[in-house]
Amino acid sequence: LKTRHEFPRKVKKQQYAAMSVFFLVGFF
């Protein structure tokens, strides 16, 4: 976490990553 502008973007990517993991386990 470095700047106020960087925070939302990185957290958003972490949200998408978590969604993809849930999708993956549900898929299999």
PDB file of all heavy atoms in Angstrom:
ATOM      1  N   LEU A   1       0.851  -1.179   0.000  1.00  0.00           N
ATOM      2  CA  LEU A   1       0.000   0.000   0.000  1.00  0.00           C
ATOM      3  C   LEU A   1       0.892   1.237   0.000  1.00  0.00           C
ATOM      4  O   LEU A   1       1.645   1.473   0.923  1.00  0.00           O
ATOM      5  CB  LEU A   1      -0.901   0.002   1.246  1.00  0.00           C
ATOM      6  CG  LEU A   1      -1.819   1.215   1.428  1.00  0.00           C
ATOM      7  CD1 LEU A   1      -2.727   1.370   0.233  1.00  0.00           C
ATOM      8  CD2 LEU A   1      -2.615   1.086   2.713  1.00  0.00           C
ATOM      9  N   LYS A   2       0.813   2.039  -1.063  1.00  0.00           N
ATOM     10  CA  LYS A   2       1.722   3.170  -1.199  1.00  0.00           C
ATOM     11  C   LYS A   2       0.999   4.495  -1.310  1.00  0.00           C
ATOM     12  O   LYS A   2       1.409   5.478  -0.717  1.00  0.00           O
ATOM     13  CB  LYS A   2       2.628   2.960  -2.421  1.00  0.00           C
ATOM     14  CG  LYS A   2       3.567   1.770  -2.273  1.00  0.00           C
ATOM     15  CD  LYS A   2       4.450   1.627  -3.492  1.00  0.00           C
ATOM     16  CE  LYS A   2       5.396   0.438  -3.337  1.00  0.00           C
ATOM     17  NZ  LYS A   2       6.273   0.265  -4.521  1.00  0.00           N
ATOM     18  N   THR A   3      -0.017   4.565  -2.090  1.00  0.00           N
ATOM     19  CA  THR A   3      -0.713   5.835  -2.294  1.00  0.00           C
ATOM     20  C   THR A   3      -2.208   5.631  -2.164  1.00  0.00           C
ATOM     21  O   THR A   3      -2.721   4.507  -2.244  1.00  0.00           O
ATOM     22  CB  THR A   3      -0.416   6.412  -3.691  1.00  0.00           C
ATOM     23  OG1 THR A   3      -1.038   5.573  -4.670  1.00  0.00           O
ATOM     24  CG2 THR A   3       1.078   6.478  -3.951  1.00  0.00           C
ATOM     25  N   ARG A   4      -2.919   6.742  -2.032  1.00  0.00           N
ATOM     26  CA  ARG A   4      -4.369   6.676  -1.923  1.00  0.00           C
ATOM     27  C   ARG A   4      -4.985   6.173  -3.233  1.00  0.00           C
ATOM     28  O   ARG A   4      -6.031   5.548  -3.240  1.00  0.00           O
ATOM     29  CB  ARG A   4      -4.931   8.053  -1.585  1.00  0.00           C
ATOM     30  CG  ARG A   4      -4.565   8.536  -0.185  1.00  0.00           C
ATOM     31  CD  ARG A   4      -5.076   9.937   0.051  1.00  0.00           C
ATOM     32  NE  ARG A   4      -6.536   9.967  -0.043  1.00  0.00           N
ATOM     33  CZ  ARG A   4      -7.236  11.087   0.033  1.00  0.00           C
ATOM     34  NH1 ARG A   4      -6.623  12.252   0.165  1.00  0.00           N
ATOM     35  NH2 ARG A   4      -8.562  11.060  -0.053  1.00  0.00           N
ATOM     36  N   HIS A   5      -4.327   6.460  -4.341  1.00  0.00           N
ATOM     37  CA  HIS A   5      -4.854   6.026  -5.632  1.00  0.00           C
ATOM     38  C   HIS A   5      -4.549   4.559  -5.896  1.00  0.00           C
ATOM     39  O   HIS A   5      -5.272   3.891  -6.622  1.00  0.00           O
ATOM     40  CB  HIS A   5      -4.266   6.891  -6.750  1.00  0.00           C
ATOM     41  CG  HIS A   5      -4.637   8.335  -6.638  1.00  0.00           C
ATOM     42  ND1 HIS A   5      -5.915   8.790  -6.872  1.00  0.00           N
ATOM     43  CD2 HIS A   5      -3.905   9.423  -6.298  1.00  0.00           C
ATOM     44  CE1 HIS A   5      -5.964  10.110  -6.702  1.00  0.00           C
ATOM     45  NE2 HIS A   5      -4.752  10.517  -6.346  1.00  0.00           N
ATOM     46  N   GLU A   6      -3.476   4.062  -5.295  1.00  0.00           N
ATOM     47  CA  GLU A   6      -3.071   2.684  -5.533  1.00  0.00           C
ATOM     48  C   GLU A   6      -3.940   1.707  -4.742  1.00  0.00           C
ATOM     49  O   GLU A   6      -4.186   0.588  -5.180  1.00  0.00           O
ATOM     50  CB  GLU A   6      -1.604   2.512  -5.131  1.00  0.00           C
ATOM     51  CG  GLU A   6      -1.003   1.184  -5.561  1.00  0.00           C
ATOM     52  CD  GLU A   6       0.462   1.087  -5.214  1.00  0.00           C
ATOM     53  OE1 GLU A   6       0.961   1.965  -4.480  1.00  0.00           O
ATOM     54  OE2 GLU A   6       1.106   0.139  -5.669  1.00  0.00           O
ATOM     55  N   PHE A   7      -4.431   2.148  -3.614  1.00  0.00           N
ATOM     56  CA  PHE A   7      -5.188   1.258  -2.734  1.00  0.00           C
ATOM     57  C   PHE A   7      -6.419   0.643  -3.408  1.00  0.00           C
ATOM     58  O   PHE A   7      -6.562  -0.570  -3.430  1.00  0.00           O
ATOM     59  CB  PHE A   7      -5.579   2.006  -1.462  1.00  0.00           C
ATOM     60  CG  PHE A   7      -6.454   1.226  -0.539  1.00  0.00           C
ATOM     61  CD1 PHE A   7      -5.927   0.238   0.265  1.00  0.00           C
ATOM     62  CD2 PHE A   7      -7.816   1.466  -0.487  1.00  0.00           C
ATOM     63  CE1 PHE A   7      -6.735  -0.493   1.115  1.00  0.00           C
ATOM     64  CE2 PHE A   7      -8.629   0.747   0.348  1.00  0.00           C
ATOM     65  CZ  PHE A   7      -8.086  -0.228   1.149  1.00  0.00           C
ATOM     66  N   PRO A   8      -7.310   1.451  -3.986  1.00  0.00           N
ATOM     67  CA  PRO A   8      -8.505   0.842  -4.580  1.00  0.00           C
ATOM     68  C   PRO A   8      -8.180  -0.119  -5.714  1.00  0.00           C
ATOM     69  O   PRO A   8      -8.833  -1.143  -5.861  1.00  0.00           O
ATOM     70  CB  PRO A   8      -9.294   2.049  -5.091  1.00  0.00           C
ATOM     71  CG  PRO A   8      -8.768   3.207  -4.320  1.00  0.00           C
ATOM     72  CD  PRO A   8      -7.331   2.901  -4.092  1.00  0.00           C
ATOM     73  N   ARG A   9      -7.161   0.208  -6.532  1.00  0.00           N
ATOM     74  CA  ARG A   9      -6.838  -0.640  -7.669  1.00  0.00           C
ATOM     75  C   ARG A   9      -6.327  -2.003  -7.206  1.00  0.00           C
ATOM     76  O   ARG A   9      -6.741  -3.045  -7.726  1.00  0.00           O
ATOM     77  CB  ARG A   9      -5.793   0.056  -8.545  1.00  0.00           C
ATOM     78  CG  ARG A   9      -5.491  -0.725  -9.835  1.00  0.00           C
ATOM     79  CD  ARG A   9      -4.616   0.068 -10.792  1.00  0.00           C
ATOM     80  NE  ARG A   9      -3.275   0.285 -10.265  1.00  0.00           N
ATOM     81  CZ  ARG A   9      -2.821   1.448  -9.841  1.00  0.00           C
ATOM     82  NH1 ARG A   9      -3.619   2.514  -9.840  1.00  0.00           N
ATOM     83  NH2 ARG A   9      -1.584   1.581  -9.377  1.00  0.00           N
ATOM     84  N   LYS A  10      -5.439  -2.034  -6.236  1.00  0.00           N
ATOM     85  CA  LYS A  10      -4.882  -3.304  -5.768  1.00  0.00           C
ATOM     86  C   LYS A  10      -5.920  -4.120  -5.005  1.00  0.00           C
ATOM     87  O   LYS A  10      -5.969  -5.345  -5.132  1.00  0.00           O
ATOM     88  CB  LYS A  10      -3.654  -3.045  -4.904  1.00  0.00           C
ATOM     89  CG  LYS A  10      -2.449  -2.604  -5.715  1.00  0.00           C
ATOM     90  CD  LYS A  10      -1.159  -2.970  -5.009  1.00  0.00           C
ATOM     91  CE  LYS A  10       0.033  -2.757  -5.936  1.00  0.00           C
ATOM     92  NZ  LYS A  10       1.295  -3.166  -5.316  1.00  0.00           N
ATOM     93  N   VAL A  11      -6.738  -3.452  -4.213  1.00  0.00           N
ATOM     94  CA  VAL A  11      -7.786  -4.176  -3.506  1.00  0.00           C
ATOM     95  C   VAL A  11      -8.790  -4.753  -4.501  1.00  0.00           C
ATOM     96  O   VAL A  11      -9.278  -5.874  -4.334  1.00  0.00           O
ATOM     97  CB  VAL A  11      -8.490  -3.254  -2.492  1.00  0.00           C
ATOM     98  CG1 VAL A  11      -9.722  -3.942  -1.913  1.00  0.00           C
ATOM     99  CG2 VAL A  11      -7.537  -2.895  -1.363  1.00  0.00           C
ATOM    100  N   LYS A  12      -9.078  -3.995  -5.555  1.00  0.00           N
ATOM    101  CA  LYS A  12      -9.995  -4.482  -6.577  1.00  0.00           C
ATOM    102  C   LYS A  12      -9.448  -5.747  -7.233  1.00  0.00           C
ATOM    103  O   LYS A  12     -10.179  -6.717  -7.470  1.00  0.00           O
ATOM    104  CB  LYS A  12     -10.194  -3.395  -7.645  1.00  0.00           C
ATOM    105  CG  LYS A  12     -11.477  -3.560  -8.452  1.00  0.00           C
ATOM    106  CD  LYS A  12     -12.675  -3.172  -7.614  1.00  0.00           C
ATOM    107  CE  LYS A  12     -13.945  -3.191  -8.449  1.00  0.00           C
ATOM    108  NZ  LYS A  12     -15.137  -2.873  -7.627  1.00  0.00           N
ATOM    109  N   LYS A  13      -8.149  -5.760  -7.509  1.00  0.00           N
ATOM    110  CA  LYS A  13      -7.537  -6.950  -8.096  1.00  0.00           C
ATOM    111  C   LYS A  13      -7.584  -8.130  -7.124  1.00  0.00           C
ATOM    112  O   LYS A  13      -7.776  -9.277  -7.532  1.00  0.00           O
ATOM    113  CB  LYS A  13      -6.102  -6.650  -8.501  1.00  0.00           C
ATOM    114  CG  LYS A  13      -5.983  -5.722  -9.709  1.00  0.00           C
ATOM    115  CD  LYS A  13      -4.534  -5.438 -10.054  1.00  0.00           C
ATOM    116  CE  LYS A  13      -4.428  -4.542 -11.281  1.00  0.00           C
ATOM    117  NZ  LYS A  13      -3.020  -4.218 -11.618  1.00  0.00           N
ATOM    118  N   GLN A  14      -7.411  -7.835  -5.836  1.00  0.00           N
ATOM    119  CA  GLN A  14      -7.517  -8.906  -4.843  1.00  0.00           C
ATOM    120  C   GLN A  14      -8.941  -9.441  -4.763  1.00  0.00           C
ATOM    121  O   GLN A  14      -9.152 -10.641  -4.550  1.00  0.00           O
ATOM    122  CB  GLN A  14      -7.057  -8.401  -3.476  1.00  0.00           C
ATOM    123  CG  GLN A  14      -5.555  -8.160  -3.394  1.00  0.00           C
ATOM    124  CD  GLN A  14      -5.112  -7.754  -2.014  1.00  0.00           C
ATOM    125  OE1 GLN A  14      -5.903  -7.254  -1.218  1.00  0.00           O
ATOM    126  NE2 GLN A  14      -3.848  -7.966  -1.711  1.00  0.00           N
ATOM    127  N   GLN A  15      -9.919  -8.555  -4.932  1.00  0.00           N
ATOM    128  CA  GLN A  15     -11.308  -9.004  -4.963  1.00  0.00           C
ATOM    129  C   GLN A  15     -11.543  -9.945  -6.140  1.00  0.00           C
ATOM    130  O   GLN A  15     -12.145 -11.011  -5.991  1.00  0.00           O
ATOM    131  CB  GLN A  15     -12.243  -7.797  -5.056  1.00  0.00           C
ATOM    132  CG  GLN A  15     -12.280  -6.932  -3.816  1.00  0.00           C
ATOM    133  CD  GLN A  15     -13.075  -5.662  -4.033  1.00  0.00           C
ATOM    134  OE1 GLN A  15     -13.549  -5.388  -5.135  1.00  0.00           O
ATOM    135  NE2 GLN A  15     -13.219  -4.855  -2.992  1.00  0.00           N
ATOM    136  N   TYR A  16     -11.067  -9.561  -7.314  1.00  0.00           N
ATOM    137  CA  TYR A  16     -11.234 -10.400  -8.504  1.00  0.00           C
ATOM    138  C   TYR A  16     -10.513 -11.737  -8.335  1.00  0.00           C
ATOM    139  O   TYR A  16     -11.009 -12.780  -8.775  1.00  0.00           O
ATOM    140  CB  TYR A  16     -10.709  -9.680  -9.742  1.00  0.00           C
ATOM    141  CG  TYR A  16     -11.519  -8.471 -10.152  1.00  0.00           C
ATOM    142  CD1 TYR A  16     -10.917  -7.364 -10.748  1.00  0.00           C
ATOM    143  CD2 TYR A  16     -12.899  -8.423  -9.949  1.00  0.00           C
ATOM    144  CE1 TYR A  16     -11.654  -6.254 -11.128  1.00  0.00           C
ATOM    145  CE2 TYR A  16     -13.641  -7.312 -10.316  1.00  0.00           C
ATOM    146  CZ  TYR A  16     -13.016  -6.236 -10.903  1.00  0.00           C
ATOM    147  OH  TYR A  16     -13.753  -5.139 -11.276  1.00  0.00           O
ATOM    148  N   ALA A  17      -9.326 -11.700  -7.713  1.00  0.00           N
ATOM    149  CA  ALA A  17      -8.576 -12.937  -7.499  1.00  0.00           C
ATOM    150  C   ALA A  17      -9.339 -13.878  -6.572  1.00  0.00           C
ATOM    151  O   ALA A  17      -9.417 -15.088  -6.814  1.00  0.00           O
ATOM    152  CB  ALA A  17      -7.196 -12.618  -6.923  1.00  0.00           C
ATOM    153  N   ALA A  18      -9.910 -13.323  -5.500  1.00  0.00           N
ATOM    154  CA  ALA A  18     -10.688 -14.144  -4.574  1.00  0.00           C
ATOM    155  C   ALA A  18     -11.921 -14.722  -5.269  1.00  0.00           C
ATOM    156  O   ALA A  18     -12.272 -15.893  -5.068  1.00  0.00           O
ATOM    157  CB  ALA A  18     -11.101 -13.317  -3.358  1.00  0.00           C
ATOM    158  N   MET A  19     -12.583 -13.907  -6.105  1.00  0.00           N
ATOM    159  CA  MET A  19     -13.739 -14.403  -6.855  1.00  0.00           C
ATOM    160  C   MET A  19     -13.349 -15.565  -7.760  1.00  0.00           C
ATOM    161  O   MET A  19     -14.080 -16.556  -7.870  1.00  0.00           O
ATOM    162  CB  MET A  19     -14.338 -13.269  -7.696  1.00  0.00           C
ATOM    163  CG  MET A  19     -15.012 -12.171  -6.912  1.00  0.00           C
ATOM    164  SD  MET A  19     -15.507 -10.802  -7.997  1.00  0.00           S
ATOM    165  CE  MET A  19     -15.970  -9.563  -6.782  1.00  0.00           C
ATOM    166  N   SER A  20     -12.192 -15.452  -8.396  1.00  0.00           N
ATOM    167  CA  SER A  20     -11.756 -16.506  -9.316  1.00  0.00           C
ATOM    168  C   SER A  20     -11.478 -17.808  -8.574  1.00  0.00           C
ATOM    169  O   SER A  20     -11.747 -18.896  -9.099  1.00  0.00           O
ATOM    170  CB  SER A  20     -10.513 -16.058 -10.089  1.00  0.00           C
ATOM    171  OG  SER A  20      -9.382 -15.958  -9.245  1.00  0.00           O
ATOM    172  N   VAL A  21     -10.974 -17.721  -7.345  1.00  0.00           N
ATOM    173  CA  VAL A  21     -10.711 -18.929  -6.560  1.00  0.00           C
ATOM    174  C   VAL A  21     -12.025 -19.593  -6.157  1.00  0.00           C
ATOM    175  O   VAL A  21     -12.171 -20.825  -6.232  1.00  0.00           O
ATOM    176  CB  VAL A  21      -9.860 -18.603  -5.323  1.00  0.00           C
ATOM    177  CG1 VAL A  21      -9.712 -19.839  -4.436  1.00  0.00           C
ATOM    178  CG2 VAL A  21      -8.482 -18.103  -5.735  1.00  0.00           C
ATOM    179  N   PHE A  22     -12.998 -18.805  -5.727  1.00  0.00           N
ATOM    180  CA  PHE A  22     -14.311 -19.367  -5.395  1.00  0.00           C
ATOM    181  C   PHE A  22     -14.946 -20.014  -6.620  1.00  0.00           C
ATOM    182  O   PHE A  22     -15.541 -21.098  -6.529  1.00  0.00           O
ATOM    183  CB  PHE A  22     -15.230 -18.280  -4.835  1.00  0.00           C
ATOM    184  CG  PHE A  22     -15.083 -18.055  -3.366  1.00  0.00           C
ATOM    185  CD1 PHE A  22     -14.211 -17.100  -2.870  1.00  0.00           C
ATOM    186  CD2 PHE A  22     -15.810 -18.800  -2.458  1.00  0.00           C
ATOM    187  CE1 PHE A  22     -14.067 -16.893  -1.510  1.00  0.00           C
ATOM    188  CE2 PHE A  22     -15.680 -18.604  -1.092  1.00  0.00           C
ATOM    189  CZ  PHE A  22     -14.801 -17.643  -0.617  1.00  0.00           C
ATOM    190  N   PHE A  23     -14.830 -19.358  -7.768  1.00  0.00           N
ATOM    191  CA  PHE A  23     -15.356 -19.919  -9.005  1.00  0.00           C
ATOM    192  C   PHE A  23     -14.679 -21.256  -9.303  1.00  0.00           C
ATOM    193  O   PHE A  23     -15.340 -22.229  -9.681  1.00  0.00           O
ATOM    194  CB  PHE A  23     -15.122 -18.942 -10.163  1.00  0.00           C
ATOM    195  CG  PHE A  23     -15.621 -19.434 -11.493  1.00  0.00           C
ATOM    196  CD1 PHE A  23     -16.894 -19.106 -11.935  1.00  0.00           C
ATOM    197  CD2 PHE A  23     -14.820 -20.216 -12.307  1.00  0.00           C
ATOM    198  CE1 PHE A  23     -17.358 -19.568 -13.158  1.00  0.00           C
ATOM    199  CE2 PHE A  23     -15.275 -20.679 -13.529  1.00  0.00           C
ATOM    200  CZ  PHE A  23     -16.547 -20.351 -13.959  1.00  0.00           C
ATOM    201  N   LEU A  24     -13.375 -21.303  -9.103  1.00  0.00           N
ATOM    202  CA  LEU A  24     -12.598 -22.505  -9.419  1.00  0.00           C
ATOM    203  C   LEU A  24     -13.028 -23.691  -8.573  1.00  0.00           C
ATOM    204  O   LEU A  24     -13.267 -24.794  -9.097  1.00  0.00           O
ATOM    205  CB  LEU A  24     -11.108 -22.221  -9.218  1.00  0.00           C
ATOM    206  CG  LEU A  24     -10.139 -23.324  -9.633  1.00  0.00           C
ATOM    207  CD1 LEU A  24     -10.109 -23.443 -11.152  1.00  0.00           C
ATOM    208  CD2 LEU A  24      -8.734 -23.026  -9.101  1.00  0.00           C
ATOM    209  N   VAL A  25     -13.139 -23.491  -7.263  1.00  0.00           N
ATOM    210  CA  VAL A  25     -13.492 -24.618  -6.391  1.00  0.00           C
ATOM    211  C   VAL A  25     -14.934 -25.050  -6.646  1.00  0.00           C
ATOM    212  O   VAL A  25     -15.250 -26.255  -6.641  1.00  0.00           O
ATOM    213  CB  VAL A  25     -13.253 -24.258  -4.904  1.00  0.00           C
ATOM    214  CG1 VAL A  25     -14.223 -23.210  -4.410  1.00  0.00           C
ATOM    215  CG2 VAL A  25     -13.334 -25.514  -4.031  1.00  0.00           C
ATOM    216  N   GLY A  26     -15.828 -24.094  -6.916  1.00  0.00           N
ATOM    217  CA  GLY A  26     -17.203 -24.454  -7.256  1.00  0.00           C
ATOM    218  C   GLY A  26     -17.279 -25.209  -8.572  1.00  0.00           C
ATOM    219  O   GLY A  26     -18.059 -26.158  -8.719  1.00  0.00           O
ATOM    220  N   PHE A  27     -16.461 -24.787  -9.531  1.00  0.00           N
ATOM    221  CA  PHE A  27     -16.437 -25.419 -10.852  1.00  0.00           C
ATOM    222  C   PHE A  27     -16.057 -26.893 -10.744  1.00  0.00           C
ATOM    223  O   PHE A  27     -16.754 -27.770 -11.257  1.00  0.00           O
ATOM    224  CB  PHE A  27     -15.451 -24.676 -11.756  1.00  0.00           C
ATOM    225  CG  PHE A  27     -15.347 -25.229 -13.148  1.00  0.00           C
ATOM    226  CD1 PHE A  27     -16.125 -24.723 -14.167  1.00  0.00           C
ATOM    227  CD2 PHE A  27     -14.464 -26.262 -13.442  1.00  0.00           C
ATOM    228  CE1 PHE A  27     -16.044 -25.225 -15.452  1.00  0.00           C
ATOM    229  CE2 PHE A  27     -14.365 -26.780 -14.720  1.00  0.00           C
ATOM    230  CZ  PHE A  27     -15.161 -26.260 -15.730  1.00  0.00           C
ATOM    231  N   PHE A  28     -14.949 -27.183 -10.065  1.00  0.00           N
ATOM    232  CA  PHE A  28     -14.475 -28.567  -9.987  1.00  0.00           C
ATOM    233  C   PHE A  28     -15.370 -29.421  -9.088  1.00  0.00           C
ATOM    234  O   PHE A  28     -15.545 -30.621  -9.336  1.00  0.00           O
ATOM    235  CB  PHE A  28     -13.031 -28.605  -9.503  1.00  0.00           C
ATOM    236  CG  PHE A  28     -12.040 -28.364 -10.603  1.00  0.00           C
ATOM    237  CD1 PHE A  28     -11.265 -27.219 -10.613  1.00  0.00           C
ATOM    238  CD2 PHE A  28     -11.881 -29.265 -11.630  1.00  0.00           C
ATOM    239  CE1 PHE A  28     -10.355 -26.984 -11.627  1.00  0.00           C
ATOM    240  CE2 PHE A  28     -10.978 -29.049 -12.658  1.00  0.00           C
ATOM    241  CZ  PHE A  28     -10.206 -27.901 -12.655  1.00  0.00           C
TER     242      PHE A  28
END
